Each structure stands twice: as structure tokens, then as C-alpha cells.
Protein backbone atom coordinates (compact mmCIF):
# COMPACT_ATOMS: atom_id res chain seq x y z
CA MET A 1 160.01 182.44 88.87
CA THR A 2 157.45 179.88 87.78
CA ASP A 3 154.16 179.23 89.54
CA SER A 4 154.78 175.43 89.18
CA ARG A 5 151.52 174.70 87.41
CA HIS A 6 151.57 171.50 85.38
CA TYR A 7 149.52 170.88 82.25
CA VAL A 8 148.54 167.96 80.05
CA LEU A 9 147.95 168.28 76.31
CA ALA A 10 145.72 165.43 75.20
CA VAL A 11 144.31 164.29 71.86
CA GLN A 12 141.31 161.97 71.72
CA LEU A 13 139.86 160.45 68.53
CA ASN A 14 136.08 160.50 68.59
CA ASP A 15 135.49 156.88 67.68
CA PRO A 16 138.70 154.82 67.59
CA GLU A 17 136.81 151.51 67.73
CA HIS A 18 135.00 152.40 64.51
CA PHE A 19 138.38 152.99 62.91
CA ARG A 20 139.52 149.58 64.14
CA ALA A 21 136.38 147.92 62.74
CA VAL A 22 136.94 149.52 59.33
CA PHE A 23 140.68 148.99 58.90
CA GLY A 24 141.46 145.94 61.01
CA SER A 25 143.92 145.41 63.84
CA ALA A 26 147.09 145.21 61.69
CA VAL A 27 146.53 148.60 60.06
CA VAL A 28 145.57 150.13 63.40
CA ALA A 29 148.79 148.84 65.01
CA VAL A 30 150.96 150.53 62.38
CA ALA A 31 148.77 153.66 62.33
CA HIS A 32 149.04 153.88 66.11
CA ALA A 33 152.82 153.97 65.90
CA ASP A 34 152.77 156.53 63.07
CA LEU A 35 150.37 158.82 64.90
CA THR A 36 152.38 158.57 68.11
CA ARG A 37 155.52 159.66 66.26
CA GLY A 38 153.62 162.45 64.53
CA ILE A 39 152.10 163.76 67.76
CA GLU A 40 155.51 163.57 69.43
CA GLU A 41 156.91 165.76 66.66
CA PHE A 42 154.18 168.39 66.72
CA CYS A 43 154.30 168.51 70.54
CA ARG A 44 158.03 169.15 70.28
CA GLN A 45 157.31 172.10 67.99
CA LEU A 46 154.17 173.34 69.70
CA LEU A 47 155.58 173.19 73.24
CA GLY A 48 159.04 174.48 72.42
CA ARG A 49 158.63 177.39 74.84
CA TYR A 50 157.69 175.11 77.72
CA GLN A 51 159.35 172.36 79.73
CA ARG A 52 158.02 168.93 78.73
CA SER A 53 157.87 166.16 81.33
CA GLY A 54 158.77 163.16 79.21
CA GLY A 55 157.51 162.16 75.78
CA VAL A 56 154.06 161.48 74.38
CA ALA A 57 152.22 158.64 76.12
CA SER A 58 149.41 156.64 74.54
CA PRO A 59 147.53 154.32 76.89
CA ALA A 60 145.49 152.97 73.98
CA PHE A 61 144.85 153.69 70.31
CA GLY A 62 142.80 156.85 70.12
CA ARG A 63 144.32 158.74 73.05
CA TRP A 64 147.66 160.51 73.39
CA TYR A 65 148.90 162.94 76.02
CA CYS A 66 151.98 164.95 76.90
CA LEU A 67 152.81 166.63 80.23
CA PHE A 68 154.48 170.03 80.36
CA VAL A 69 155.17 172.88 82.76
CA GLU A 70 155.89 176.58 82.40
CA LYS A 71 159.49 177.65 82.27
CA ALA A 72 160.80 180.14 84.80
CA SER A 73 160.88 182.88 82.18
CA LEU A 74 157.13 182.74 81.57
CA MET A 75 154.63 184.78 83.55
CA ARG A 76 151.30 183.39 84.69
CA THR A 77 149.38 185.90 82.56
CA ASP A 78 151.43 184.86 79.53
CA MET A 79 150.39 181.24 80.03
CA GLU A 80 146.74 182.16 80.27
CA GLU A 81 146.99 184.04 77.00
CA GLN A 82 148.86 181.21 75.33
CA LEU A 83 146.47 178.35 76.11
CA PRO A 84 143.81 179.23 73.47
CA VAL A 85 146.55 179.70 70.86
CA LEU A 86 148.12 176.36 71.76
CA ARG A 87 144.77 174.58 71.47
CA GLU A 88 143.91 176.12 68.10
CA THR A 89 147.37 175.59 66.62
CA GLY A 90 147.54 172.05 68.00
CA ALA A 91 144.18 171.18 66.45
CA LEU A 92 145.37 172.40 63.05
CA MET A 93 148.57 170.37 63.36
CA MET A 94 146.60 167.28 64.36
CA ARG A 95 144.29 167.69 61.37
CA ASP A 96 147.30 167.91 59.05
CA LEU A 97 148.77 164.79 60.68
CA LEU A 98 145.55 162.80 60.16
CA VAL A 99 145.36 163.81 56.51
CA GLY A 100 149.02 162.91 56.04
CA CYS A 101 148.56 159.50 57.64
CA PHE A 102 145.20 158.52 56.18
CA GLY A 103 144.59 160.69 53.12
CA HIS A 104 142.02 163.41 52.64
CA ALA A 105 138.89 161.30 52.48
CA THR A 106 139.48 159.54 55.80
CA GLY A 107 141.83 161.93 57.58
CA SER A 108 139.80 165.10 57.08
CA ARG A 109 136.67 163.39 58.38
CA GLN A 110 138.22 161.77 61.44
CA GLY A 111 136.74 163.59 64.41
CA PHE A 112 138.94 164.34 67.39
CA ASN A 113 139.27 166.67 70.33
CA LEU A 114 142.38 168.38 71.59
CA ILE A 115 142.43 169.75 75.13
CA ILE A 116 144.94 171.33 77.49
CA ALA A 117 144.14 170.95 81.17
CA GLU A 118 145.89 171.56 84.46
CA THR A 119 147.04 168.50 86.36
CA GLU A 120 148.77 168.02 89.69
CA ALA A 121 149.61 164.34 89.29
CA LYS A 122 151.92 162.30 87.10
CA ASP A 123 150.21 158.98 87.79
CA PRO A 124 148.76 157.69 84.48
CA ASP A 125 145.38 156.76 86.00
CA LEU A 126 144.97 160.21 87.54
CA ILE A 127 146.09 161.90 84.33
CA ASN A 128 143.52 159.93 82.29
CA ARG A 129 140.82 160.94 84.76
CA ALA A 130 141.83 164.58 84.39
CA VAL A 131 141.70 164.20 80.61
CA ASP A 132 138.25 162.58 80.82
CA ARG A 133 136.97 165.47 82.92
CA ALA A 134 138.42 168.06 80.54
CA LEU A 135 136.97 166.30 77.48
CA SER A 136 133.51 166.22 79.06
CA GLU A 137 133.68 170.00 79.50
CA GLU A 138 135.34 170.82 76.19
CA THR A 139 133.37 171.47 73.00
CA GLY A 140 134.72 172.33 69.61
CA ALA A 141 138.41 172.35 70.47
CA SER A 142 139.21 170.39 67.32
CA LEU A 143 137.20 172.51 64.92
CA MET A 144 139.25 174.31 62.32
CA GLN A 145 138.83 178.04 62.01
CA VAL A 146 136.47 178.91 59.16
CA ASP A 147 137.70 182.08 57.47
CA VAL A 148 134.99 182.42 54.83
CA SER A 149 131.40 183.51 55.16
CA GLU A 150 128.35 181.62 53.98
CA GLU A 151 127.67 184.40 51.46
CA TYR A 152 131.18 184.09 49.99
CA LEU A 153 130.84 180.31 49.69
CA ARG A 154 127.46 180.59 47.96
CA GLN A 155 128.85 183.15 45.52
CA LEU A 156 131.80 180.89 44.81
CA VAL A 157 129.59 177.88 44.09
CA ASN A 158 126.96 179.73 42.08
CA GLY A 159 129.36 182.06 40.29
CA GLY A 160 131.59 179.46 38.69
CA GLY A 161 134.61 180.12 40.90
CA LEU A 162 135.39 176.44 41.49
CA LEU A 163 138.48 175.00 39.79
CA SER A 164 138.63 171.45 38.40
CA TYR A 165 141.77 169.35 38.74
CA PHE A 166 142.38 165.81 37.48
CA GLN A 167 144.79 163.09 38.68
CA PRO A 168 145.50 160.14 36.36
CA ILE A 169 144.34 156.60 37.08
CA VAL A 170 146.47 153.91 35.43
CA GLU A 171 145.95 150.26 34.59
CA LEU A 172 148.68 148.42 36.49
CA GLN A 173 149.25 145.66 33.96
CA ASN A 174 150.35 148.01 31.17
CA GLY A 175 150.76 151.41 32.84
CA ASP A 176 148.27 153.12 30.52
CA ILE A 177 146.10 155.98 31.73
CA VAL A 178 142.49 154.79 31.68
CA GLY A 179 140.82 157.61 33.56
CA TYR A 180 141.13 160.47 36.02
CA GLU A 181 139.92 161.31 39.49
CA ALA A 182 138.19 164.68 39.46
CA LEU A 183 139.17 167.03 42.27
CA THR A 184 137.78 170.48 43.02
CA ARG A 185 139.52 173.46 44.58
CA GLY A 186 138.66 177.04 45.36
CA PRO A 187 140.40 180.11 43.94
CA VAL A 188 144.20 180.11 44.10
CA ASP A 189 145.61 181.96 47.14
CA SER A 190 142.25 181.81 48.91
CA ALA A 191 141.45 180.18 52.26
CA VAL A 192 139.41 177.55 50.40
CA HIS A 193 141.85 176.64 47.64
CA LEU A 194 142.65 173.22 49.12
CA ALA A 195 139.96 170.59 49.59
CA ASP A 196 140.17 170.62 53.40
CA GLY A 197 139.42 174.32 53.59
CA LEU A 198 136.74 174.24 50.90
CA PHE A 199 134.76 171.28 52.19
CA GLY A 200 135.47 172.18 55.82
CA ALA A 201 133.82 175.55 55.21
CA ALA A 202 130.91 173.84 53.46
CA ARG A 203 130.38 171.49 56.42
CA TYR A 204 130.55 174.43 58.83
CA HIS A 205 127.91 176.38 56.89
CA LYS A 206 125.85 173.21 56.16
CA LEU A 207 126.30 173.61 52.41
CA THR A 208 128.02 170.27 51.69
CA ASP A 209 125.34 168.93 49.34
CA MET A 210 125.20 172.19 47.39
CA LEU A 211 128.99 172.23 47.00
CA GLU A 212 129.18 168.53 46.05
CA LEU A 213 126.51 168.97 43.39
CA ALA A 214 128.34 171.97 41.90
CA CYS A 215 131.59 169.96 41.87
CA LEU A 216 129.86 167.07 40.10
CA ARG A 217 128.43 169.28 37.39
CA ARG A 218 131.69 171.09 36.72
CA SER A 219 133.74 167.86 36.67
CA ILE A 220 131.36 165.88 34.47
CA GLU A 221 131.05 168.68 31.95
CA TRP A 222 134.80 168.36 31.37
CA LEU A 223 134.10 164.99 29.72
CA ASN A 224 133.15 166.97 26.63
CA ALA A 225 136.86 167.83 26.35
CA ILE A 226 138.33 164.53 27.63
CA PRO A 227 138.92 162.04 24.79
CA GLU A 228 137.02 158.75 24.82
CA PRO A 229 137.18 156.08 26.16
CA LEU A 230 138.79 157.76 29.20
CA TRP A 231 136.47 157.96 32.21
CA ILE A 232 136.42 160.05 35.36
CA SER A 233 135.82 159.27 39.02
CA VAL A 234 133.85 161.90 40.94
CA ASN A 235 133.33 162.11 44.70
CA LEU A 236 129.84 161.79 46.11
CA GLY A 237 128.49 161.57 49.66
CA PRO A 238 125.68 159.12 50.54
CA ALA A 239 123.32 161.91 51.58
CA LEU A 240 123.53 163.61 48.20
CA LEU A 241 123.32 160.29 46.35
CA MET A 242 119.91 159.62 47.91
CA SER A 243 118.61 163.17 47.49
CA PRO A 244 115.97 164.36 44.98
CA GLU A 245 118.44 166.97 43.75
CA PHE A 246 120.83 164.27 42.60
CA GLY A 247 118.03 162.45 40.79
CA GLN A 248 117.22 165.64 38.91
CA PHE A 249 120.89 166.22 38.16
CA ILE A 250 121.53 162.89 36.45
CA ARG A 251 118.38 163.34 34.35
CA ASP A 252 119.69 166.62 32.97
CA PRO A 253 119.86 166.23 29.15
CA LYS A 254 123.39 167.64 29.19
CA ILE A 255 124.57 165.20 31.89
CA GLY A 256 122.75 161.97 31.05
CA PRO A 257 124.72 161.09 27.88
CA LEU A 258 128.02 161.47 29.79
CA LEU A 259 127.12 159.12 32.67
CA PRO A 260 128.54 155.90 31.09
CA ARG A 261 131.99 157.51 31.47
CA VAL A 262 131.45 158.50 35.11
CA VAL A 263 132.23 156.46 38.22
CA PHE A 264 130.56 157.88 41.33
CA GLU A 265 132.88 157.40 44.29
CA LEU A 266 131.22 157.16 47.69
CA THR A 267 133.54 159.13 49.94
CA GLU A 268 132.17 158.24 53.38
CA HIS A 269 131.92 154.94 55.18
CA VAL A 270 128.22 154.13 55.31
CA PRO A 271 126.92 152.63 58.57
CA VAL A 272 126.22 148.94 58.10
CA ALA A 273 122.54 149.40 58.98
CA SER A 274 122.19 151.95 56.15
CA VAL A 275 123.99 150.07 53.38
CA ALA A 276 121.03 147.95 52.27
CA GLY A 277 118.74 150.97 52.22
CA LEU A 278 121.24 152.94 50.16
CA HIS A 279 121.60 150.10 47.69
CA ASP A 280 117.83 149.74 47.33
CA ALA A 281 117.43 153.48 46.79
CA VAL A 282 120.12 153.53 44.10
CA THR A 283 118.76 150.58 42.14
CA ALA A 284 115.15 151.77 42.45
CA LEU A 285 115.79 155.35 41.38
CA PHE A 286 118.41 154.87 38.71
CA PRO A 287 118.05 151.62 36.76
CA PRO A 288 120.38 150.41 35.44
CA ALA A 289 122.51 151.12 38.48
CA LEU A 290 125.09 153.88 38.35
CA ARG A 291 128.76 152.97 38.15
CA LEU A 292 129.88 153.09 41.77
CA SER A 293 133.20 153.06 43.60
CA LEU A 294 133.87 152.74 47.32
CA ASP A 295 136.59 155.04 48.64
CA ASP A 296 139.13 154.39 51.41
CA THR A 297 138.46 150.68 51.78
CA GLY A 298 140.48 149.02 54.53
CA CYS A 299 140.92 145.46 55.70
CA GLY A 300 137.93 145.21 58.02
CA PHE A 301 134.79 143.08 57.78
CA PHE A 302 132.72 146.28 57.66
CA ASP A 303 134.05 147.21 54.23
CA LEU A 304 133.63 143.78 52.67
CA THR A 305 130.05 143.71 53.89
CA THR A 306 129.50 147.04 52.16
CA VAL A 307 131.12 145.75 48.96
CA GLU A 308 128.95 142.63 48.99
CA THR A 309 125.78 144.67 49.39
CA MET A 310 126.53 147.65 47.15
CA ARG A 311 128.32 145.67 44.40
CA PRO A 312 130.51 148.60 43.25
CA GLU A 313 132.49 148.44 40.05
CA ILE A 314 135.69 149.63 41.76
CA VAL A 315 136.94 149.34 45.34
CA LYS A 316 139.72 151.74 46.33
CA LEU A 317 142.37 150.55 48.77
CA CYS A 318 143.03 153.48 51.04
CA ILE A 319 146.23 155.40 51.58
CA THR A 320 146.32 153.99 55.11
CA VAL A 321 146.99 150.55 53.62
CA ILE A 322 149.12 151.56 50.63
CA SER A 323 151.54 153.68 52.66
CA ARG A 324 152.27 150.66 54.91
CA ILE A 325 153.43 148.47 52.01
CA GLY A 326 156.99 147.41 52.77
CA ARG A 327 156.61 148.20 56.47
CA SER A 328 154.16 145.58 57.71
CA ALA A 329 153.96 142.03 56.37
CA GLU A 330 150.62 141.56 58.14
CA VAL A 331 149.11 144.63 56.45
CA GLU A 332 150.29 143.36 53.06
CA HIS A 333 148.84 139.92 53.79
CA GLN A 334 145.47 141.44 54.70
CA MET A 335 145.62 143.69 51.63
CA ARG A 336 146.06 140.68 49.35
CA GLY A 337 143.17 138.99 51.12
CA THR A 338 141.00 142.06 50.57
CA ILE A 339 141.89 142.18 46.85
CA HIS A 340 141.05 138.48 46.50
CA ALA A 341 137.74 138.87 48.33
CA VAL A 342 136.81 141.91 46.25
CA LYS A 343 137.56 139.98 43.04
CA LYS A 344 135.27 137.17 44.15
CA LEU A 345 132.52 139.76 44.59
CA GLY A 346 132.99 140.92 41.01
CA ALA A 347 134.73 144.26 41.63
CA LEU A 348 138.09 145.68 40.60
CA THR A 349 140.55 147.20 43.07
CA LEU A 350 142.40 150.49 42.83
CA GLY A 351 145.38 151.41 44.99
CA GLU A 352 145.28 155.05 46.04
CA GLY A 353 148.22 157.18 47.15
CA VAL A 354 150.99 155.21 45.39
CA GLU A 355 154.29 157.01 45.93
CA ASN A 356 156.98 154.66 44.61
CA THR A 357 157.85 151.71 42.37
CA ASN A 358 157.80 149.19 45.22
CA GLN A 359 154.21 150.01 46.14
CA ALA A 360 153.13 149.86 42.50
CA GLU A 361 154.82 146.49 41.90
CA ILE A 362 153.39 144.88 45.04
CA LEU A 363 149.91 146.10 44.14
CA LYS A 364 150.34 144.69 40.65
CA ARG A 365 151.52 141.29 41.93
CA SER A 366 148.71 141.25 44.47
CA GLY A 367 146.09 141.51 41.73
CA ALA A 368 145.01 145.16 41.94
CA ALA A 369 143.67 146.43 38.62
CA PHE A 370 144.29 150.17 38.88
CA ALA A 371 146.39 152.66 40.80
CA GLN A 372 146.79 156.38 41.27
CA GLY A 373 149.08 158.64 43.25
CA ASN A 374 151.95 161.06 42.85
CA PHE A 375 154.13 158.26 41.43
CA PHE A 376 151.90 158.26 38.32
CA GLY A 377 151.13 161.96 38.21
CA LEU A 378 150.17 164.91 40.38
CA PRO A 379 146.72 166.49 40.12
CA LYS A 380 146.78 169.16 37.43
CA PRO A 381 144.30 171.88 36.44
CA ALA A 382 141.83 170.61 33.89
CA ILE A 383 142.50 173.57 31.61
CA GLU A 384 146.15 172.45 31.33
CA LEU A 385 145.35 168.82 30.60
CA PHE A 386 142.44 169.44 28.25
CA PRO A 387 142.69 172.96 26.80
CA LEU A 388 139.45 174.00 25.19
């Protein structure tokens, strides 16, 4: 027999309006549909042992929920044991879905919460109230499990255990490789081999700046083996960019001569109120200004304001936009408008996450200068590309 308890599994993005401000309404509309399909699929897998009451509902972008009930074959004690497992597994599946939809830079940083709560009603208003109550009581349900210790992470960073990978960047007009994006991974077959695990562990242990600085040094030193005039793009967070440690790093006699071949890619959306201060700090500390790139740029006013203030050399169109090419005429229209506006501000655009010929051709016709993605080449270990 079943005890007839009903449950709701709900996912809530932390700040969906910020996402809308960054990417614009057209991108959000397509992303909403993609996420709804993705959550429907992982609920089907996750709740396979239970009886679902309908599909995934989404009253607005940023919230999704699914009702389910125990099957007759399940005991009450079994359900109580299963809830923590369902929450943890669901959070991992949601994180993978966000990265798949929006790429690593945006997807891995998109905060969310996943809860499972009891509910006695099927009325949408009452369900949303139950979800609100559960969210107010829930903390940390979306955090990924960190399987490495702070000591291990410090040893990895300080002991040279980080691995450098490079993915080619091509010039769209002629298809030539002009540079590479530098990526860093942990030891193969470790919990921190992939970027999500590595940087997730660093955020958990509050060692992000230390890890980023180690990644920069290791990546830039590879320029000694990379033939000129090829350049590299390296990821950099705003906090590290403004830190004294970064100032010391770029003044290192071994690093300084290599900087003209380095593009520093800001990997987080900077709050509008902080953009001017960041720009002033960069130009004051490091004249002439470093070569900068803005990552994951969408179609929103927020990003163009940042471009106008920071004046980067390269603006990257995010995977969220590129993956919708051929699926949304409005997204493509806004993308072309963004490329045109960026050109007027004196920057070049780079399409990230290109997977096929159609995406590459539309980017080329739209005026984008560069592109990267699996269509042009997968990330490969530096030692394979540039054997010493």
C-alpha cells in the first residue's frame, strides 16, 4: 500500500531577471523552452521509480516544478531515505543541463536551488506557495558535492599538477587559426579533471584567485612553445584582475614580454555599477591597457554598456546565442544587431561554441571576426599540440 503522500520537485534560478537583462527577451524565450524540455527529461529519469502527476510546469522563466507520488510498492521509510538522494542527484543533473544550455562560463555560475517538498494540493497557486515556503527553509540544496580537500587542492596548484589544454580560434573570413583559448584541467581520472569540478572545488574552499593565477602562469608560459604570431586567450575573473597579486604577476620578467600575445578574457558579468571602477583600475595600474575580451556576451543592454565602458579588443558571443542559430529568427536578428553595435564601439566579435557549418556561415555573413567550437577543433592537451 501507499501512504498517499504527494510531493513537488521544484527548481528555482536565483536571479532569472538578471539573466533576462543580460541576454534579452528573445534568448530567454528560447532558453526557457530548452530548459523546460531538459528538466522534463531529467525528471523522467530521476523519478522513474515514482508516479508522476503530469509533466513539468513552469509558471514563469526561472521556476519549474513536477508533482509526483509514491507507488504502492514503496514503503514510507524508503521514501524518507530517498529524498536526500533525489535532491543531490537532481542538483547534479540540473547543473549539467545549465552547462549544456549555456556553456561553462555562464552555466556553471548560474545559481539555483532544487527542493522536494510535500504538498496536498494540485492548484498551481497553492503549489507555488508550498515551493516558496520550502525555498525559504532550504539552504545549499543546489551545491555540488566537493570530493577534494583544501590541502589536496593547494598541493595540486602549488605542485604543478594542473594540465593545460588549448582550443583553436579561427578567423572566419579565411578559416585560418589565429590563436587558442587556454583551458585548465586537473589530473586525468580525478574528481577535478573537468573545469566544473576544479573551479567548483576552488570556489568551495575560497581558493578561486589562487587557482586562476596558477592557471594564468601555466597557460602563458606555453607561449614560449607556441609559434608567433599566434596568441592565446586566458580566463580571468574581475576580482583577480583588480588584485595586487595580478599586478605583481604581469610585472614578472618572465611574463611581461609575452603579454602582447595574451588576451585576458573576463569570465564573469560585472555589475553595471562596478564596470567604470574596474575600467579605471585597469587603465591606472597597467598602462597601456591590457588586451581584454568579454566572455558570454548576450543581446542585452547590460552587455553593450559594459563593452562601451571597458572597450575590450574582443567580444565573445555566448553559446546561448550561437546554439539558437537556425532556431530563432529573432535571436539571429538581435545577434546581428549586437555584432554591428560592437563594431561601432571598435571591438571584434567571436562566436563561441560553433558546432556546424550553418552556424559558422551565418556568423561569417553577420560580420563576426572569429569563431571557436568543436566544429573547428576540440580542446587538446598542450603537450600534444606543442611538444617541447
